[in-house]
Structures are given as structure tokens and as C-alpha cells.
């Protein structure tokens, strides 16, 4: 067995090193923001040395970018699958279209409830809207566009009326992030908050896209 180098922290986690570094960095950036985190902090949290962090992720700015890329990849995977299911339902009329939107929002809520560090990471970035703004274009805008296109397609097909899909999607995204923050502030499981928020979002969509007047 090779000897551990002097001064190198012991690492018991068996995940690939890059995954371990990115998970540690994501948690730290989410908690403290970009300026308050150094590569040594990440190395200590990941149980590796600084050279290992730099080897796998490069500079701190590159590491920060990689953290957003990591959460974007996971989020895109679940939203694309939910979006494909929703698109298949659009031709079936308003009822099926709105139920599909319920399901799509539920997937997004589930994702952020399970990964609250995603919300915290984005909120830290948005506190300084003019710094790292390119991250929004790469890691937020494509997901907004995915849902906006679904709403536009549903409107074009007559399933619902949606004059401003970008505003609707942005409003829902911020509502869900606010819900995740509320959960984090609670003691206990937050089961009531989870249930009531899910019910609210469904009512919101039903009110936003009511049945056409006969």
C-alpha cells in the first residue's frame, strides 16, 4: 500500500476525487459566497491537499464555475425528462396540459428540496447580480428556456393562454427558491410547509390557466 504523503488529510469517502472536491466546494460557496472561500478551505473540507483541488478544478474561479455546472447537469437531467412528458400531454387539451405542468413543477420542487445547497449557491450569486453574470447564461437560462418553450407551445396549440412565459417561469422559480429557504429556517421535518407549498403551486397554475369560457 502506498504511503500517505506527510501532511495530506486522510480521506475516507470513496467517491471519485473530483466529485468529492466539487461537493465540498458547492457546500462552502453556498454557505459563504465566492470571496470567503479559498482552495485551502475546499481541500480541508474534501480531505485532500490543495494541489489535488487545483489539479482537478484549476483556479478558484474555475472551481466556482464547475460547481454551477455540476448542479446544472443534475437539474437539467430531471427537468428534460419531465419536460418531455409534459410536451407529450400538450395536445390533449387544457386539463392534461395543466396536469403536466403540475408534474413538472413537482419535479423541480422535489429537486430543490432534496438539494437545498443549489438554492443557497444561486442566492449567494444573485446577491451580487453584476458579478459572475455569465453563470446565469450558461446554467440558468437554458432551463428557463426549456419551460418557456413548453408554455409557448401549449399556448400556440390552444391548450392555455400564456402571454409572458418568461415572467411566469421566473416567478415560479423564485417562489420555489423562497420555499426552500423557508424550509431551511424551520425546526423539524417541514412536512406541513412542503404539503402547503405544493398545494399552493398547483392552485397558482390552475388560476393562471383557467378553463376557457364556454
C-alpha atoms as a PDB file:
ATOM      1  CA  UNK A   1       0.000   0.000   0.000  1.00  0.00           C
ATOM      2  CA  UNK A   2       1.469   3.405  -0.939  1.00  0.00           C
ATOM      3  CA  UNK A   3       2.334   5.647   1.970  1.00  0.00           C
ATOM      4  CA  UNK A   4       0.249   8.728   2.514  1.00  0.00           C
ATOM      5  CA  UNK A   5       2.275  11.869   1.954  1.00  0.00           C
ATOM      6  CA  UNK A   6       3.115  13.857   5.085  1.00  0.00           C
ATOM      7  CA  UNK A   7       0.526  16.489   5.875  1.00  0.00           C
ATOM      8  CA  UNK A   8      -2.068  15.147   3.488  1.00  0.00           C
ATOM      9  CA  UNK A   9      -5.501  14.820   5.140  1.00  0.00           C
ATOM     10  CA  UNK A  10      -6.920  11.330   5.397  1.00  0.00           C
ATOM     11  CA  UNK A  11      -9.883  10.762   3.078  1.00  0.00           C
ATOM     12  CA  UNK A  12     -12.367   8.029   3.921  1.00  0.00           C
ATOM     13  CA  UNK A  13     -15.022   8.934   1.338  1.00  0.00           C
ATOM     14  CA  UNK A  14     -14.791   6.583  -1.628  1.00  0.00           C
ATOM     15  CA  UNK A  15     -16.366   8.882  -4.231  1.00  0.00           C
ATOM     16  CA  UNK A  16     -14.139   9.947  -7.145  1.00  0.00           C
ATOM     17  CA  UNK A  17     -11.866  12.761  -6.015  1.00  0.00           C
ATOM     18  CA  UNK A  18     -13.286  15.369  -8.394  1.00  0.00           C
ATOM     19  CA  UNK A  19     -16.844  14.630  -7.206  1.00  0.00           C
ATOM     20  CA  UNK A  20     -15.727  14.917  -3.616  1.00  0.00           C
ATOM     21  CA  UNK A  21     -13.996  18.244  -4.246  1.00  0.00           C
ATOM     22  CA  UNK A  22     -16.995  19.678  -6.105  1.00  0.00           C
ATOM     23  CA  UNK A  23     -19.436  18.578  -3.407  1.00  0.00           C
ATOM     24  CA  UNK A  24     -17.284  20.195  -0.715  1.00  0.00           C
ATOM     25  CA  UNK A  25     -16.806  23.368  -2.740  1.00  0.00           C
ATOM     26  CA  UNK A  26     -20.513  23.639  -3.549  1.00  0.00           C
ATOM     27  CA  UNK A  27     -21.400  23.444   0.139  1.00  0.00           C
ATOM     28  CA  UNK A  28     -18.796  26.059   1.068  1.00  0.00           C
ATOM     29  CA  UNK A  29     -19.675  28.508  -1.709  1.00  0.00           C
ATOM     30  CA  UNK A  30     -23.355  28.088  -0.833  1.00  0.00           C
ATOM     31  CA  UNK A  31     -22.659  28.858   2.809  1.00  0.00           C
ATOM     32  CA  UNK A  32     -20.115  31.681   2.451  1.00  0.00           C
ATOM     33  CA  UNK A  33     -20.131  33.039  -1.086  1.00  0.00           C
ATOM     34  CA  UNK A  34     -17.277  33.293  -3.562  1.00  0.00           C
ATOM     35  CA  UNK A  35     -14.947  35.709  -1.772  1.00  0.00           C
ATOM     36  CA  UNK A  36     -14.974  33.950   1.610  1.00  0.00           C
ATOM     37  CA  UNK A  37     -13.856  30.542   0.297  1.00  0.00           C
ATOM     38  CA  UNK A  38     -10.288  29.594  -0.582  1.00  0.00           C
ATOM     39  CA  UNK A  39      -8.848  26.490  -2.169  1.00  0.00           C
ATOM     40  CA  UNK A  40      -7.378  25.509   1.199  1.00  0.00           C
ATOM     41  CA  UNK A  41     -10.872  25.594   2.707  1.00  0.00           C
ATOM     42  CA  UNK A  42     -12.108  23.296  -0.023  1.00  0.00           C
ATOM     43  CA  UNK A  43      -9.160  20.960   0.394  1.00  0.00           C
ATOM     44  CA  UNK A  44      -9.747  20.700   4.130  1.00  0.00           C
ATOM     45  CA  UNK A  45     -13.460  20.013   3.671  1.00  0.00           C
ATOM     46  CA  UNK A  46     -12.801  17.382   0.996  1.00  0.00           C
ATOM     47  CA  UNK A  47      -9.989  15.690   2.928  1.00  0.00           C
ATOM     48  CA  UNK A  48      -7.399  16.209   0.203  1.00  0.00           C
ATOM     49  CA  UNK A  49      -4.476  18.580  -0.301  1.00  0.00           C
ATOM     50  CA  UNK A  50      -4.578  21.907  -2.143  1.00  0.00           C
ATOM     51  CA  UNK A  51      -2.606  20.554  -5.080  1.00  0.00           C
ATOM     52  CA  UNK A  52      -5.275  17.905  -5.600  1.00  0.00           C
ATOM     53  CA  UNK A  53      -8.022  20.536  -5.670  1.00  0.00           C
ATOM     54  CA  UNK A  54      -6.088  22.622  -8.200  1.00  0.00           C
ATOM     55  CA  UNK A  55      -5.319  19.545 -10.298  1.00  0.00           C
ATOM     56  CA  UNK A  56      -8.974  18.575 -10.603  1.00  0.00           C
ATOM     57  CA  UNK A  57     -10.598  22.003 -10.892  1.00  0.00           C
ATOM     58  CA  UNK A  58      -7.978  24.678 -11.675  1.00  0.00           C
ATOM     59  CA  UNK A  59      -8.313  28.177 -10.218  1.00  0.00           C
ATOM     60  CA  UNK A  60     -10.931  29.238  -7.684  1.00  0.00           C
ATOM     61  CA  UNK A  61     -12.951  30.899 -10.454  1.00  0.00           C
ATOM     62  CA  UNK A  62     -12.851  27.677 -12.471  1.00  0.00           C
ATOM     63  CA  UNK A  63     -13.869  25.718  -9.386  1.00  0.00           C
ATOM     64  CA  UNK A  64     -16.795  28.088  -8.806  1.00  0.00           C
ATOM     65  CA  UNK A  65     -17.907  27.616 -12.403  1.00  0.00           C
ATOM     66  CA  UNK A  66     -17.596  23.838 -12.057  1.00  0.00           C
ATOM     67  CA  UNK A  67     -19.896  23.887  -9.009  1.00  0.00           C
ATOM     68  CA  UNK A  68     -22.630  25.586 -11.028  1.00  0.00           C
ATOM     69  CA  UNK A  69     -22.034  23.220 -13.943  1.00  0.00           C
ATOM     70  CA  UNK A  70     -22.447  20.291 -11.559  1.00  0.00           C
ATOM     71  CA  UNK A  71     -25.817  21.392 -10.183  1.00  0.00           C
ATOM     72  CA  UNK A  72     -26.963  22.443 -13.667  1.00  0.00           C
ATOM     73  CA  UNK A  73     -26.240  18.990 -15.073  1.00  0.00           C
ATOM     74  CA  UNK A  74     -28.241  17.282 -12.341  1.00  0.00           C
ATOM     75  CA  UNK A  75     -31.137  19.728 -12.650  1.00  0.00           C
ATOM     76  CA  UNK A  76     -31.214  19.558 -16.434  1.00  0.00           C
ATOM     77  CA  UNK A  77     -31.427  15.770 -16.331  1.00  0.00           C
ATOM     78  CA  UNK A  78     -34.616  15.737 -14.275  1.00  0.00           C
ATOM     79  CA  UNK A  79     -36.229  18.741 -15.995  1.00  0.00           C
ATOM     80  CA  UNK A  80     -35.589  17.499 -19.516  1.00  0.00           C
ATOM     81  CA  UNK A  81     -37.249  14.178 -18.694  1.00  0.00           C
ATOM     82  CA  UNK A  82     -40.213  15.934 -17.054  1.00  0.00           C
ATOM     83  CA  UNK A  83     -40.399  18.387 -19.947  1.00  0.00           C
ATOM     84  CA  UNK A  84     -40.622  15.590 -22.488  1.00  0.00           C
ATOM     85  CA  UNK A  85     -43.513  14.060 -20.568  1.00  0.00           C
ATOM     86  CA  UNK A  86     -45.227  17.448 -20.416  1.00  0.00           C
ATOM     87  CA  UNK A  87     -44.761  18.097 -24.135  1.00  0.00           C
ATOM     88  CA  UNK A  88     -46.435  14.790 -24.935  1.00  0.00           C
ATOM     89  CA  UNK A  89     -49.505  15.913 -22.970  1.00  0.00           C
ATOM     90  CA  UNK A  90     -49.917  19.332 -24.557  1.00  0.00           C
ATOM     91  CA  UNK A  91     -52.014  18.160 -27.477  1.00  0.00           C
ATOM     92  CA  UNK A  92     -54.605  16.609 -25.172  1.00  0.00           C
ATOM     93  CA  UNK A  93     -56.153  19.932 -24.177  1.00  0.00           C
ATOM     94  CA  UNK A  94     -56.108  22.304 -21.217  1.00  0.00           C
ATOM     95  CA  UNK A  95     -56.751  19.738 -18.483  1.00  0.00           C
ATOM     96  CA  UNK A  96     -53.906  17.441 -19.466  1.00  0.00           C
ATOM     97  CA  UNK A  97     -51.600  20.377 -20.166  1.00  0.00           C
ATOM     98  CA  UNK A  98     -52.120  21.861 -16.698  1.00  0.00           C
ATOM     99  CA  UNK A  99     -51.721  18.459 -15.024  1.00  0.00           C
ATOM    100  CA  UNK A 100     -48.456  18.060 -16.916  1.00  0.00           C
ATOM    101  CA  UNK A 101     -47.336  21.460 -15.603  1.00  0.00           C
ATOM    102  CA  UNK A 102     -48.238  20.333 -12.074  1.00  0.00           C
ATOM    103  CA  UNK A 103     -45.958  17.345 -12.560  1.00  0.00           C
ATOM    104  CA  UNK A 104     -43.158  19.476 -13.999  1.00  0.00           C
ATOM    105  CA  UNK A 105     -43.262  21.908 -11.076  1.00  0.00           C
ATOM    106  CA  UNK A 106     -43.390  18.993  -8.624  1.00  0.00           C
ATOM    107  CA  UNK A 107     -40.188  17.612 -10.156  1.00  0.00           C
ATOM    108  CA  UNK A 108     -38.487  20.993  -9.730  1.00  0.00           C
ATOM    109  CA  UNK A 109     -39.697  21.349  -6.136  1.00  0.00           C
ATOM    110  CA  UNK A 110     -38.527  17.816  -5.310  1.00  0.00           C
ATOM    111  CA  UNK A 111     -35.130  18.526  -6.820  1.00  0.00           C
ATOM    112  CA  UNK A 112     -34.519  21.679  -4.776  1.00  0.00           C
ATOM    113  CA  UNK A 113     -35.964  20.223  -1.577  1.00  0.00           C
ATOM    114  CA  UNK A 114     -33.505  17.346  -1.890  1.00  0.00           C
ATOM    115  CA  UNK A 115     -30.586  19.653  -2.801  1.00  0.00           C
ATOM    116  CA  UNK A 116     -31.032  22.892  -0.823  1.00  0.00           C
ATOM    117  CA  UNK A 117     -27.389  23.788  -1.473  1.00  0.00           C
ATOM    118  CA  UNK A 118     -28.463  24.542  -5.053  1.00  0.00           C
ATOM    119  CA  UNK A 119     -30.755  27.314  -3.842  1.00  0.00           C
ATOM    120  CA  UNK A 120     -28.109  28.647  -1.455  1.00  0.00           C
ATOM    121  CA  UNK A 121     -25.468  28.633  -4.190  1.00  0.00           C
ATOM    122  CA  UNK A 122     -27.659  30.640  -6.543  1.00  0.00           C
ATOM    123  CA  UNK A 123     -28.820  33.071  -3.859  1.00  0.00           C
ATOM    124  CA  UNK A 124     -25.213  33.873  -2.981  1.00  0.00           C
ATOM    125  CA  UNK A 125     -24.510  34.599  -6.616  1.00  0.00           C
ATOM    126  CA  UNK A 126     -27.609  36.757  -7.047  1.00  0.00           C
ATOM    127  CA  UNK A 127     -26.643  38.925  -4.060  1.00  0.00           C
ATOM    128  CA  UNK A 128     -24.086  40.449  -6.441  1.00  0.00           C
ATOM    129  CA  UNK A 129     -26.015  40.488  -9.730  1.00  0.00           C
ATOM    130  CA  UNK A 130     -23.225  42.023 -11.804  1.00  0.00           C
ATOM    131  CA  UNK A 131     -20.527  39.551 -10.737  1.00  0.00           C
ATOM    132  CA  UNK A 132     -20.295  36.171 -12.464  1.00  0.00           C
ATOM    133  CA  UNK A 133     -23.377  37.082 -14.522  1.00  0.00           C
ATOM    134  CA  UNK A 134     -22.192  34.722 -17.256  1.00  0.00           C
ATOM    135  CA  UNK A 135     -23.128  31.830 -14.964  1.00  0.00           C
ATOM    136  CA  UNK A 136     -26.794  32.717 -15.429  1.00  0.00           C
ATOM    137  CA  UNK A 137     -26.485  32.488 -19.197  1.00  0.00           C
ATOM    138  CA  UNK A 138     -24.844  29.080 -19.075  1.00  0.00           C
ATOM    139  CA  UNK A 139     -26.540  27.411 -16.134  1.00  0.00           C
ATOM    140  CA  UNK A 140     -29.933  29.080 -15.593  1.00  0.00           C
ATOM    141  CA  UNK A 141     -31.115  30.492 -18.915  1.00  0.00           C
ATOM    142  CA  UNK A 142     -31.211  27.087 -20.714  1.00  0.00           C
ATOM    143  CA  UNK A 143     -33.536  25.658 -18.064  1.00  0.00           C
ATOM    144  CA  UNK A 144     -35.752  28.740 -18.119  1.00  0.00           C
ATOM    145  CA  UNK A 145     -35.924  28.426 -21.895  1.00  0.00           C
ATOM    146  CA  UNK A 146     -36.915  24.764 -21.693  1.00  0.00           C
ATOM    147  CA  UNK A 147     -40.038  25.571 -19.682  1.00  0.00           C
ATOM    148  CA  UNK A 148     -40.769  28.811 -21.552  1.00  0.00           C
ATOM    149  CA  UNK A 149     -40.829  26.857 -24.800  1.00  0.00           C
ATOM    150  CA  UNK A 150     -43.295  24.376 -23.313  1.00  0.00           C
ATOM    151  CA  UNK A 151     -45.620  27.186 -22.238  1.00  0.00           C
ATOM    152  CA  UNK A 152     -45.323  28.843 -25.641  1.00  0.00           C
ATOM    153  CA  UNK A 153     -46.092  25.551 -27.388  1.00  0.00           C
ATOM    154  CA  UNK A 154     -49.124  24.960 -25.164  1.00  0.00           C
ATOM    155  CA  UNK A 155     -50.365  28.481 -25.910  1.00  0.00           C
ATOM    156  CA  UNK A 156     -49.782  28.075 -29.636  1.00  0.00           C
ATOM    157  CA  UNK A 157     -51.764  24.843 -29.570  1.00  0.00           C
ATOM    158  CA  UNK A 158     -54.672  26.470 -27.779  1.00  0.00           C
ATOM    159  CA  UNK A 159     -54.299  24.442 -24.569  1.00  0.00           C
ATOM    160  CA  UNK A 160     -53.818  27.584 -22.482  1.00  0.00           C
ATOM    161  CA  UNK A 161     -53.266  31.328 -22.727  1.00  0.00           C
ATOM    162  CA  UNK A 162     -49.760  32.479 -21.748  1.00  0.00           C
ATOM    163  CA  UNK A 163     -48.716  35.961 -22.909  1.00  0.00           C
ATOM    164  CA  UNK A 164     -45.475  36.207 -20.887  1.00  0.00           C
ATOM    165  CA  UNK A 165     -43.824  32.795 -20.386  1.00  0.00           C
ATOM    166  CA  UNK A 166     -40.521  34.279 -19.229  1.00  0.00           C
ATOM    167  CA  UNK A 167     -42.167  36.202 -16.385  1.00  0.00           C
ATOM    168  CA  UNK A 168     -44.231  33.166 -15.392  1.00  0.00           C
ATOM    169  CA  UNK A 169     -41.219  30.851 -15.267  1.00  0.00           C
ATOM    170  CA  UNK A 170     -39.062  33.355 -13.402  1.00  0.00           C
ATOM    171  CA  UNK A 171     -41.823  33.940 -10.835  1.00  0.00           C
ATOM    172  CA  UNK A 172     -42.276  30.220 -10.222  1.00  0.00           C
ATOM    173  CA  UNK A 173     -38.527  29.663  -9.907  1.00  0.00           C
ATOM    174  CA  UNK A 174     -38.210  32.402  -7.300  1.00  0.00           C
ATOM    175  CA  UNK A 175     -41.224  31.067  -5.408  1.00  0.00           C
ATOM    176  CA  UNK A 176     -39.651  27.630  -5.194  1.00  0.00           C
ATOM    177  CA  UNK A 177     -36.317  29.036  -4.044  1.00  0.00           C
ATOM    178  CA  UNK A 178     -38.181  31.006  -1.376  1.00  0.00           C
ATOM    179  CA  UNK A 179     -39.902  27.813  -0.278  1.00  0.00           C
ATOM    180  CA  UNK A 180     -36.542  26.056   0.107  1.00  0.00           C
ATOM    181  CA  UNK A 181     -35.252  28.946   2.235  1.00  0.00           C
ATOM    182  CA  UNK A 182     -38.381  28.730   4.419  1.00  0.00           C
ATOM    183  CA  UNK A 183     -37.795  25.008   4.901  1.00  0.00           C
ATOM    184  CA  UNK A 184     -34.193  25.617   5.943  1.00  0.00           C
ATOM    185  CA  UNK A 185     -35.340  28.099   8.591  1.00  0.00           C
ATOM    186  CA  UNK A 186     -37.712  25.612  10.226  1.00  0.00           C
ATOM    187  CA  UNK A 187     -37.114  23.163  13.014  1.00  0.00           C
ATOM    188  CA  UNK A 188     -38.370  19.671  12.342  1.00  0.00           C
ATOM    189  CA  UNK A 189     -39.331  17.955   9.120  1.00  0.00           C
ATOM    190  CA  UNK A 190     -41.214  20.830   7.489  1.00  0.00           C
ATOM    191  CA  UNK A 191     -43.861  18.367   6.320  1.00  0.00           C
ATOM    192  CA  UNK A 192     -46.658  20.922   6.606  1.00  0.00           C
ATOM    193  CA  UNK A 193     -44.673  23.568   4.691  1.00  0.00           C
ATOM    194  CA  UNK A 194     -43.906  21.043   1.947  1.00  0.00           C
ATOM    195  CA  UNK A 195     -47.537  19.987   1.646  1.00  0.00           C
ATOM    196  CA  UNK A 196     -48.970  23.502   1.715  1.00  0.00           C
ATOM    197  CA  UNK A 197     -46.463  24.869  -0.776  1.00  0.00           C
ATOM    198  CA  UNK A 198     -47.165  22.063  -3.235  1.00  0.00           C
ATOM    199  CA  UNK A 199     -50.880  22.772  -2.929  1.00  0.00           C
ATOM    200  CA  UNK A 200     -50.268  26.498  -3.460  1.00  0.00           C
ATOM    201  CA  UNK A 201     -48.265  25.960  -6.655  1.00  0.00           C
ATOM    202  CA  UNK A 202     -50.961  23.729  -8.083  1.00  0.00           C
ATOM    203  CA  UNK A 203     -53.654  26.305  -7.256  1.00  0.00           C
ATOM    204  CA  UNK A 204     -51.490  29.014  -8.768  1.00  0.00           C
ATOM    205  CA  UNK A 205     -51.228  27.131 -12.056  1.00  0.00           C
ATOM    206  CA  UNK A 206     -54.945  26.330 -12.065  1.00  0.00           C
ATOM    207  CA  UNK A 207     -55.736  30.007 -11.548  1.00  0.00           C
ATOM    208  CA  UNK A 208     -53.205  31.131 -14.128  1.00  0.00           C
ATOM    209  CA  UNK A 209     -54.645  28.805 -16.777  1.00  0.00           C
ATOM    210  CA  UNK A 210     -58.399  28.548 -16.111  1.00  0.00           C
ATOM    211  CA  UNK A 211     -60.705  26.636 -18.448  1.00  0.00           C
ATOM    212  CA  UNK A 212     -61.809  28.628 -21.455  1.00  0.00           C
ATOM    213  CA  UNK A 213     -65.176  30.319 -21.057  1.00  0.00           C
ATOM    214  CA  UNK A 214     -67.944  28.393 -22.770  1.00  0.00           C
END
